[in-house]
Protein backbone atom coordinates (compact mmCIF):
# COMPACT_ATOMS: atom_id res chain seq x y z
CA MET A 1 -16.67 38.03 0.84
CA ALA A 2 -17.33 36.61 4.73
CA ASN A 3 -15.32 34.29 6.16
CA PRO A 4 -17.48 30.60 6.27
CA ASP A 5 -15.36 29.43 9.38
CA LYS A 6 -17.20 32.47 11.83
CA ALA A 7 -20.82 32.33 9.72
CA ALA A 8 -21.30 28.25 10.42
CA HIS A 9 -22.05 26.23 13.62
CA PHE A 10 -20.28 23.09 14.73
CA LEU A 11 -22.27 20.70 15.03
CA GLY A 12 -19.76 17.53 15.69
CA GLU A 13 -18.27 14.45 13.55
CA VAL A 14 -20.41 12.23 11.95
CA GLN A 15 -19.84 8.63 9.83
CA GLY A 16 -22.50 7.48 7.26
CA GLU A 17 -22.61 3.75 5.62
CA SER A 18 -23.32 2.42 1.78
CA ARG A 19 -23.63 -1.22 1.89
CA GLN A 20 -23.89 -4.08 -0.98
CA ARG A 21 -24.34 -7.59 0.34
CA TRP A 22 -23.30 -10.30 -1.95
CA ILE A 23 -24.61 -13.68 -1.22
CA LEU A 24 -22.22 -16.56 -2.09
CA TYR A 25 -19.90 -13.93 -3.49
CA LEU A 26 -21.52 -14.00 -6.64
CA ILE A 27 -25.03 -12.60 -6.10
CA PRO A 28 -25.81 -8.86 -5.03
CA MET A 29 -28.11 -7.97 -2.91
CA GLY A 30 -29.51 -4.70 -3.31
CA ASP A 31 -28.16 -1.22 -5.12
CA ALA A 32 -24.50 -0.50 -5.23
CA PRO A 33 -22.88 0.85 -2.62
CA SER A 34 -22.58 4.64 -3.39
CA THR A 35 -20.66 7.63 -2.40
CA GLN A 36 -23.54 9.75 -2.46
CA GLN A 37 -25.69 7.71 -0.08
CA ALA A 38 -22.92 7.34 2.14
CA ILE A 39 -22.90 11.28 2.39
CA ILE A 40 -26.41 11.55 2.66
CA ASN A 41 -26.27 9.02 5.26
CA ALA A 42 -23.80 11.20 7.31
CA LYS A 43 -26.06 14.13 7.11
CA GLN A 44 -29.10 12.20 8.37
CA GLN A 45 -27.04 11.77 11.59
CA ILE A 46 -27.54 14.79 13.40
CA SER A 47 -30.76 17.51 12.69
CA GLY A 48 -30.12 20.40 10.88
CA THR A 49 -26.71 19.89 9.02
CA ARG A 50 -26.56 21.52 6.22
CA PHE A 51 -22.89 20.92 4.79
CA LEU A 52 -20.36 18.68 6.08
CA ALA A 53 -16.57 19.34 6.19
CA ASP A 54 -13.13 18.19 6.44
CA VAL A 55 -14.31 14.78 4.14
CA SER A 56 -13.13 11.40 4.09
CA ILE A 57 -13.84 8.62 2.12
CA ASP A 58 -13.07 4.99 2.76
CA ASP A 59 -14.21 1.46 0.67
CA ARG A 60 -13.87 -2.34 2.34
CA THR A 61 -14.70 -5.42 2.06
CA GLU A 62 -15.75 -7.47 4.84
CA TRP A 63 -15.66 -11.40 3.90
CA GLY A 64 -18.10 -13.64 5.78
CA PHE A 65 -18.85 -17.14 5.49
CA GLY A 66 -20.73 -17.67 1.73
CA TYR A 67 -20.90 -13.35 1.77
CA SER A 68 -19.14 -10.43 1.32
CA GLU A 69 -20.06 -6.91 1.85
CA GLN A 70 -18.63 -4.01 0.36
CA ILE A 71 -19.04 -0.71 2.14
CA ILE A 72 -18.27 2.86 1.59
CA ILE A 73 -17.66 5.57 4.57
CA VAL A 74 -18.01 8.79 5.23
CA ASN A 75 -16.33 10.23 7.71
CA ALA A 76 -16.51 13.89 8.53
CA GLN A 77 -18.03 17.16 10.59
CA ALA A 78 -20.92 18.16 10.76
CA TYR A 79 -21.97 22.04 10.18
CA ARG A 80 -25.21 23.68 10.06
């Protein structure tokens, strides 16, 4: 079996996000944030990315006056 580390070419570190804003903390705007969309966004950061490795996924909520934003963040290493 081939060693994937030798066959893959490291392209760099990437970060992807998926967000949803809530107006007045009650009314959602747009689609719900998704891990899948954050991964797709991360893969699009460097042209030619075939796969991601060493993936970490985090979520947070940011609060502002009259709104909040739910965010899913993916950090990873991109490879070709």
